[in-house]
Amino acid sequence: MKKLTTIALKPETKQKLERYRLGRESYNELVNRLLSETLPRKFPTLRELKEMRKDEYIPLEEVVERLGL
């Protein structure tokens, strides 16, 4: 069995995440899905991370629209 970890979240944060879950999707699946939709396709270098602007990411609202949520 794979080892799991615990991440502490405020109840409000958990409620926000709950809105994006699909069916019986686990939080692990949810977080990975959201990350795959919002992060750049290649891993940026440290230098690139420092230079990135907010508009280089896909806004969460657009992710929701793309997924039909």
PDB file of N, CA and C in Angstrom:
ATOM      1  N   MET A   1       0.845  -1.189   0.000  1.00  0.00           N
ATOM      2  CA  MET A   1       0.000   0.000   0.000  1.00  0.00           C
ATOM      3  C   MET A   1       0.885   1.245   0.000  1.00  0.00           C
ATOM      4  N   LYS A   2       0.485   2.251  -0.780  1.00  0.00           N
ATOM      5  CA  LYS A   2       1.259   3.484  -0.852  1.00  0.00           C
ATOM      6  C   LYS A   2       1.081   4.292   0.420  1.00  0.00           C
ATOM      7  N   LYS A   3       2.162   4.949   0.820  1.00  0.00           N
ATOM      8  CA  LYS A   3       2.125   5.802   2.003  1.00  0.00           C
ATOM      9  C   LYS A   3       1.380   7.095   1.678  1.00  0.00           C
ATOM     10  N   LEU A   4       0.524   7.523   2.583  1.00  0.00           N
ATOM     11  CA  LEU A   4      -0.223   8.768   2.424  1.00  0.00           C
ATOM     12  C   LEU A   4       0.239   9.776   3.463  1.00  0.00           C
ATOM     13  N   THR A   5       0.012  11.054   3.178  1.00  0.00           N
ATOM     14  CA  THR A   5       0.352  12.114   4.118  1.00  0.00           C
ATOM     15  C   THR A   5      -0.909  12.881   4.477  1.00  0.00           C
ATOM     16  N   THR A   6      -0.784  13.734   5.453  1.00  0.00           N
ATOM     17  CA  THR A   6      -1.890  14.581   5.873  1.00  0.00           C
ATOM     18  C   THR A   6      -1.501  16.029   5.629  1.00  0.00           C
ATOM     19  N   ILE A   7      -2.415  16.785   5.062  1.00  0.00           N
ATOM     20  CA  ILE A   7      -2.210  18.213   4.837  1.00  0.00           C
ATOM     21  C   ILE A   7      -3.277  18.954   5.624  1.00  0.00           C
ATOM     22  N   ALA A   8      -2.846  19.854   6.483  1.00  0.00           N
ATOM     23  CA  ALA A   8      -3.797  20.620   7.291  1.00  0.00           C
ATOM     24  C   ALA A   8      -4.406  21.743   6.456  1.00  0.00           C
ATOM     25  N   LEU A   9      -5.729  21.800   6.455  1.00  0.00           N
ATOM     26  CA  LEU A   9      -6.454  22.851   5.750  1.00  0.00           C
ATOM     27  C   LEU A   9      -7.463  23.479   6.694  1.00  0.00           C
ATOM     28  N   LYS A  10      -7.709  24.755   6.498  1.00  0.00           N
ATOM     29  CA  LYS A  10      -8.790  25.402   7.234  1.00  0.00           C
ATOM     30  C   LYS A  10     -10.102  24.840   6.694  1.00  0.00           C
ATOM     31  N   PRO A  11     -11.134  24.764   7.529  1.00  0.00           N
ATOM     32  CA  PRO A  11     -12.424  24.256   7.053  1.00  0.00           C
ATOM     33  C   PRO A  11     -12.934  25.001   5.819  1.00  0.00           C
ATOM     34  N   GLU A  12     -12.704  26.313   5.751  1.00  0.00           N
ATOM     35  CA  GLU A  12     -13.154  27.097   4.601  1.00  0.00           C
ATOM     36  C   GLU A  12     -12.449  26.645   3.321  1.00  0.00           C
ATOM     37  N   THR A  13     -11.172  26.322   3.437  1.00  0.00           N
ATOM     38  CA  THR A  13     -10.407  25.865   2.279  1.00  0.00           C
ATOM     39  C   THR A  13     -10.927  24.516   1.808  1.00  0.00           C
ATOM     40  N   LYS A  14     -11.210  23.637   2.734  1.00  0.00           N
ATOM     41  CA  LYS A  14     -11.748  22.324   2.376  1.00  0.00           C
ATOM     42  C   LYS A  14     -13.101  22.476   1.687  1.00  0.00           C
ATOM     43  N   GLN A  15     -13.929  23.395   2.164  1.00  0.00           N
ATOM     44  CA  GLN A  15     -15.230  23.635   1.531  1.00  0.00           C
ATOM     45  C   GLN A  15     -15.057  24.134   0.096  1.00  0.00           C
ATOM     46  N   LYS A  16     -14.071  24.997  -0.117  1.00  0.00           N
ATOM     47  CA  LYS A  16     -13.810  25.495  -1.467  1.00  0.00           C
ATOM     48  C   LYS A  16     -13.377  24.357  -2.379  1.00  0.00           C
ATOM     49  N   LEU A  17     -12.493  23.490  -1.884  1.00  0.00           N
ATOM     50  CA  LEU A  17     -12.046  22.356  -2.682  1.00  0.00           C
ATOM     51  C   LEU A  17     -13.191  21.407  -2.997  1.00  0.00           C
ATOM     52  N   GLU A  18     -14.069  21.223  -2.058  1.00  0.00           N
ATOM     53  CA  GLU A  18     -15.203  20.305  -2.220  1.00  0.00           C
ATOM     54  C   GLU A  18     -16.033  20.653  -3.456  1.00  0.00           C
ATOM     55  N   ARG A  19     -16.147  21.933  -3.768  1.00  0.00           N
ATOM     56  CA  ARG A  19     -16.943  22.371  -4.927  1.00  0.00           C
ATOM     57  C   ARG A  19     -16.371  21.876  -6.245  1.00  0.00           C
ATOM     58  N   TYR A  20     -15.086  21.538  -6.277  1.00  0.00           N
ATOM     59  CA  TYR A  20     -14.427  21.140  -7.505  1.00  0.00           C
ATOM     60  C   TYR A  20     -14.298  19.623  -7.660  1.00  0.00           C
ATOM     61  N   ARG A  21     -14.741  18.868  -6.661  1.00  0.00           N
ATOM     62  CA  ARG A  21     -14.644  17.409  -6.735  1.00  0.00           C
ATOM     63  C   ARG A  21     -15.651  16.859  -7.728  1.00  0.00           C
ATOM     64  N   LEU A  22     -15.224  15.846  -8.464  1.00  0.00           N
ATOM     65  CA  LEU A  22     -16.095  15.169  -9.419  1.00  0.00           C
ATOM     66  C   LEU A  22     -16.521  13.837  -8.829  1.00  0.00           C
ATOM     67  N   GLY A  23     -17.801  13.690  -8.580  1.00  0.00           N
ATOM     68  CA  GLY A  23     -18.308  12.438  -8.035  1.00  0.00           C
ATOM     69  C   GLY A  23     -17.635  12.056  -6.730  1.00  0.00           C
ATOM     70  N   ARG A  24     -17.107  10.846  -6.689  1.00  0.00           N
ATOM     71  CA  ARG A  24     -16.437  10.342  -5.488  1.00  0.00           C
ATOM     72  C   ARG A  24     -14.910  10.505  -5.588  1.00  0.00           C
ATOM     73  N   GLU A  25     -14.489  11.472  -6.343  1.00  0.00           N
ATOM     74  CA  GLU A  25     -13.065  11.741  -6.541  1.00  0.00           C
ATOM     75  C   GLU A  25     -12.387  12.009  -5.202  1.00  0.00           C
ATOM     76  N   SER A  26     -11.215  11.410  -4.997  1.00  0.00           N
ATOM     77  CA  SER A  26     -10.470  11.646  -3.762  1.00  0.00           C
ATOM     78  C   SER A  26      -9.837  13.036  -3.807  1.00  0.00           C
ATOM     79  N   TYR A  27      -9.463  13.538  -2.656  1.00  0.00           N
ATOM     80  CA  TYR A  27      -8.790  14.836  -2.636  1.00  0.00           C
ATOM     81  C   TYR A  27      -7.454  14.747  -3.361  1.00  0.00           C
ATOM     82  N   ASN A  28      -6.789  13.624  -3.287  1.00  0.00           N
ATOM     83  CA  ASN A  28      -5.537  13.437  -4.004  1.00  0.00           C
ATOM     84  C   ASN A  28      -5.770  13.558  -5.509  1.00  0.00           C
ATOM     85  N   GLU A  29      -6.812  12.901  -6.011  1.00  0.00           N
ATOM     86  CA  GLU A  29      -7.145  12.989  -7.432  1.00  0.00           C
ATOM     87  C   GLU A  29      -7.539  14.413  -7.806  1.00  0.00           C
ATOM     88  N   LEU A  30      -8.309  15.056  -6.954  1.00  0.00           N
ATOM     89  CA  LEU A  30      -8.742  16.431  -7.198  1.00  0.00           C
ATOM     90  C   LEU A  30      -7.547  17.372  -7.310  1.00  0.00           C
ATOM     91  N   VAL A  31      -6.656  17.323  -6.344  1.00  0.00           N
ATOM     92  CA  VAL A  31      -5.495  18.229  -6.344  1.00  0.00           C
ATOM     93  C   VAL A  31      -4.635  17.978  -7.574  1.00  0.00           C
ATOM     94  N   ASN A  32      -4.402  16.720  -7.911  1.00  0.00           N
ATOM     95  CA  ASN A  32      -3.593  16.422  -9.091  1.00  0.00           C
ATOM     96  C   ASN A  32      -4.266  16.890 -10.375  1.00  0.00           C
ATOM     97  N   ARG A  33      -5.585  16.747 -10.468  1.00  0.00           N
ATOM     98  CA  ARG A  33      -6.312  17.218 -11.654  1.00  0.00           C
ATOM     99  C   ARG A  33      -6.199  18.731 -11.774  1.00  0.00           C
ATOM    100  N   LEU A  34      -6.413  19.434 -10.672  1.00  0.00           N
ATOM    101  CA  LEU A  34      -6.315  20.891 -10.711  1.00  0.00           C
ATOM    102  C   LEU A  34      -4.903  21.349 -11.061  1.00  0.00           C
ATOM    103  N   LEU A  35      -3.907  20.677 -10.504  1.00  0.00           N
ATOM    104  CA  LEU A  35      -2.523  21.034 -10.819  1.00  0.00           C
ATOM    105  C   LEU A  35      -2.211  20.792 -12.289  1.00  0.00           C
ATOM    106  N   SER A  36      -2.660  19.668 -12.823  1.00  0.00           N
ATOM    107  CA  SER A  36      -2.363  19.367 -14.225  1.00  0.00           C
ATOM    108  C   SER A  36      -3.030  20.366 -15.163  1.00  0.00           C
ATOM    109  N   GLU A  37      -4.150  20.947 -14.750  1.00  0.00           N
ATOM    110  CA  GLU A  37      -4.842  21.926 -15.582  1.00  0.00           C
ATOM    111  C   GLU A  37      -4.300  23.342 -15.430  1.00  0.00           C
ATOM    112  N   THR A  38      -3.609  23.627 -14.336  1.00  0.00           N
ATOM    113  CA  THR A  38      -3.200  25.007 -14.090  1.00  0.00           C
ATOM    114  C   THR A  38      -1.700  25.252 -14.196  1.00  0.00           C
ATOM    115  N   LEU A  39      -0.897  24.228 -14.012  1.00  0.00           N
ATOM    116  CA  LEU A  39       0.548  24.429 -14.077  1.00  0.00           C
ATOM    117  C   LEU A  39       1.039  24.423 -15.515  1.00  0.00           C
ATOM    118  N   PRO A  40       2.153  25.080 -15.770  1.00  0.00           N
ATOM    119  CA  PRO A  40       2.729  25.042 -17.120  1.00  0.00           C
ATOM    120  C   PRO A  40       3.018  23.595 -17.510  1.00  0.00           C
ATOM    121  N   ARG A  41       3.049  23.319 -18.800  1.00  0.00           N
ATOM    122  CA  ARG A  41       3.242  21.947 -19.289  1.00  0.00           C
ATOM    123  C   ARG A  41       4.633  21.396 -18.988  1.00  0.00           C
ATOM    124  N   LYS A  42       5.628  22.247 -18.875  1.00  0.00           N
ATOM    125  CA  LYS A  42       6.972  21.777 -18.502  1.00  0.00           C
ATOM    126  C   LYS A  42       7.342  22.390 -17.159  1.00  0.00           C
ATOM    127  N   PHE A  43       8.187  21.696 -16.418  1.00  0.00           N
ATOM    128  CA  PHE A  43       8.597  22.213 -15.129  1.00  0.00           C
ATOM    129  C   PHE A  43       9.534  23.394 -15.336  1.00  0.00           C
ATOM    130  N   PRO A  44       9.206  24.546 -14.761  1.00  0.00           N
ATOM    131  CA  PRO A  44      10.050  25.727 -14.940  1.00  0.00           C
ATOM    132  C   PRO A  44      11.317  25.635 -14.088  1.00  0.00           C
ATOM    133  N   THR A  45      12.340  26.329 -14.546  1.00  0.00           N
ATOM    134  CA  THR A  45      13.565  26.429 -13.756  1.00  0.00           C
ATOM    135  C   THR A  45      13.319  27.441 -12.640  1.00  0.00           C
ATOM    136  N   LEU A  46      14.207  27.473 -11.664  1.00  0.00           N
ATOM    137  CA  LEU A  46      14.084  28.428 -10.572  1.00  0.00           C
ATOM    138  C   LEU A  46      14.085  29.853 -11.118  1.00  0.00           C
ATOM    139  N   ARG A  47      14.927  30.111 -12.075  1.00  0.00           N
ATOM    140  CA  ARG A  47      14.984  31.450 -12.692  1.00  0.00           C
ATOM    141  C   ARG A  47      13.649  31.791 -13.353  1.00  0.00           C
ATOM    142  N   GLU A  48      13.079  30.822 -14.080  1.00  0.00           N
ATOM    143  CA  GLU A  48      11.793  31.064 -14.733  1.00  0.00           C
ATOM    144  C   GLU A  48      10.687  31.304 -13.714  1.00  0.00           C
ATOM    145  N   LEU A  49      10.723  30.558 -12.617  1.00  0.00           N
ATOM    146  CA  LEU A  49       9.719  30.744 -11.567  1.00  0.00           C
ATOM    147  C   LEU A  49       9.756  32.166 -11.032  1.00  0.00           C
ATOM    148  N   LYS A  50      10.962  32.685 -10.845  1.00  0.00           N
ATOM    149  CA  LYS A  50      11.114  34.038 -10.315  1.00  0.00           C
ATOM    150  C   LYS A  50      10.605  35.086 -11.305  1.00  0.00           C
ATOM    151  N   GLU A  51      10.636  34.762 -12.603  1.00  0.00           N
ATOM    152  CA  GLU A  51      10.239  35.722 -13.628  1.00  0.00           C
ATOM    153  C   GLU A  51       8.785  35.585 -14.067  1.00  0.00           C
ATOM    154  N   MET A  52       8.147  34.518 -13.651  1.00  0.00           N
ATOM    155  CA  MET A  52       6.773  34.281 -14.111  1.00  0.00           C
ATOM    156  C   MET A  52       5.826  35.373 -13.659  1.00  0.00           C
ATOM    157  N   ARG A  53       4.905  35.660 -14.534  1.00  0.00           N
ATOM    158  CA  ARG A  53       3.862  36.616 -14.202  1.00  0.00           C
ATOM    159  C   ARG A  53       2.573  35.853 -13.972  1.00  0.00           C
ATOM    160  N   LYS A  54       1.676  36.478 -13.279  1.00  0.00           N
ATOM    161  CA  LYS A  54       0.397  35.853 -12.953  1.00  0.00           C
ATOM    162  C   LYS A  54      -0.346  35.368 -14.196  1.00  0.00           C
ATOM    163  N   ASP A  55      -0.284  36.106 -15.290  1.00  0.00           N
ATOM    164  CA  ASP A  55      -1.062  35.764 -16.476  1.00  0.00           C
ATOM    165  C   ASP A  55      -0.508  34.575 -17.253  1.00  0.00           C
ATOM    166  N   GLU A  56       0.586  33.980 -16.805  1.00  0.00           N
ATOM    167  CA  GLU A  56       1.125  32.814 -17.487  1.00  0.00           C
ATOM    168  C   GLU A  56       0.437  31.524 -17.047  1.00  0.00           C
ATOM    169  N   TYR A  57      -0.399  31.617 -16.043  1.00  0.00           N
ATOM    170  CA  TYR A  57      -1.148  30.462 -15.572  1.00  0.00           C
ATOM    171  C   TYR A  57      -2.572  30.538 -16.094  1.00  0.00           C
ATOM    172  N   ILE A  58      -3.214  29.385 -16.162  1.00  0.00           N
ATOM    173  CA  ILE A  58      -4.621  29.350 -16.556  1.00  0.00           C
ATOM    174  C   ILE A  58      -5.442  29.709 -15.325  1.00  0.00           C
ATOM    175  N   PRO A  59      -6.287  30.724 -15.402  1.00  0.00           N
ATOM    176  CA  PRO A  59      -7.111  31.094 -14.243  1.00  0.00           C
ATOM    177  C   PRO A  59      -8.029  29.938 -13.851  1.00  0.00           C
ATOM    178  N   LEU A  60      -8.269  29.795 -12.561  1.00  0.00           N
ATOM    179  CA  LEU A  60      -9.100  28.721 -12.054  1.00  0.00           C
ATOM    180  C   LEU A  60     -10.479  28.735 -12.702  1.00  0.00           C
ATOM    181  N   GLU A  61     -11.023  29.911 -12.932  1.00  0.00           N
ATOM    182  CA  GLU A  61     -12.327  30.018 -13.576  1.00  0.00           C
ATOM    183  C   GLU A  61     -12.322  29.376 -14.958  1.00  0.00           C
ATOM    184  N   GLU A  62     -11.217  29.553 -15.691  1.00  0.00           N
ATOM    185  CA  GLU A  62     -11.112  28.950 -17.007  1.00  0.00           C
ATOM    186  C   GLU A  62     -10.997  27.434 -16.910  1.00  0.00           C
ATOM    187  N   VAL A  63     -10.290  26.957 -15.902  1.00  0.00           N
ATOM    188  CA  VAL A  63     -10.186  25.512 -15.673  1.00  0.00           C
ATOM    189  C   VAL A  63     -11.569  24.935 -15.424  1.00  0.00           C
ATOM    190  N   VAL A  64     -12.338  25.594 -14.574  1.00  0.00           N
ATOM    191  CA  VAL A  64     -13.702  25.149 -14.263  1.00  0.00           C
ATOM    192  C   VAL A  64     -14.527  25.096 -15.542  1.00  0.00           C
ATOM    193  N   GLU A  65     -14.405  26.126 -16.375  1.00  0.00           N
ATOM    194  CA  GLU A  65     -15.157  26.172 -17.625  1.00  0.00           C
ATOM    195  C   GLU A  65     -14.735  25.047 -18.558  1.00  0.00           C
ATOM    196  N   ARG A  66     -13.417  24.815 -18.682  1.00  0.00           N
ATOM    197  CA  ARG A  66     -12.910  23.750 -19.557  1.00  0.00           C
ATOM    198  C   ARG A  66     -13.419  22.379 -19.108  1.00  0.00           C
ATOM    199  N   LEU A  67     -13.519  22.186 -17.790  1.00  0.00           N
ATOM    200  CA  LEU A  67     -13.953  20.896 -17.261  1.00  0.00           C
ATOM    201  C   LEU A  67     -15.470  20.776 -17.207  1.00  0.00           C
ATOM    202  N   GLY A  68     -16.161  21.865 -17.512  1.00  0.00           N
ATOM    203  CA  GLY A  68     -17.616  21.826 -17.514  1.00  0.00           C
ATOM    204  C   GLY A  68     -18.221  21.725 -16.127  1.00  0.00           C
ATOM    205  N   LEU A  69     -17.554  22.336 -15.150  1.00  0.00           N
ATOM    206  CA  LEU A  69     -18.067  22.281 -13.771  1.00  0.00           C
ATOM    207  C   LEU A  69     -18.972  23.455 -13.461  1.00  0.00           C
TER     208      LEU A  69
END
